[in-house]
C-alpha cells in the first residue's frame, strides 16, 4: 500500500501553515471559496514540488522550492489545462501534455533492452552508440556490449 502524500506547513500565497494528508490512488477534490488557496495548494505547492523533485532526478538543479516546510511521498505529476485548444481526435493526454517526451527520457536512463542477436539485456549507457545512413538520413542505434 502506498503512503499518503504529506504536506506540512504550506505557507505559499494565502495558505497559512496548512498541513494535510492526501490519500493516493483515489480521486481527490479540493473545494473552497474564491481566494481560499485551492489553486495555490494544488498548483503552486504540490504540483511544483512534484516537478522539482522529478527534475532534480534528471539532473536539473536550483529549482525554486515552494513555500512549505516539507512534502513527502510525491510522484512525478502532470498538469492538464482545462482550456486546451488542440481539437485533434488523435490527441491523448500524452500528446496534450508532452509527457511522451518525459517518458522517453526516463526510459532511456533506466531501461534494459534485450539484444536481438544474443538475447542478453543491457542498459543504454552500456552499449556503444553508432550511426548508419538509411536513405540519406542518419539513424542512431546502440550496439550490444555482449556481442
Foldseek 3Di string as FASTA:
>chain_A
DAAWKWFAQADAQQDGGDIDTHHPPDDDDDDDDPPNCPCCCVPVAQQQVQVQVVVVVLPDDDRDHHRTPDIDRHHRDFDQDPPQDDPDPPDDPCNRGVCVVVVVSVCLVDPWDADPPPRDIDHNVVFDWDWDQDPNDIDIDTDDPVD
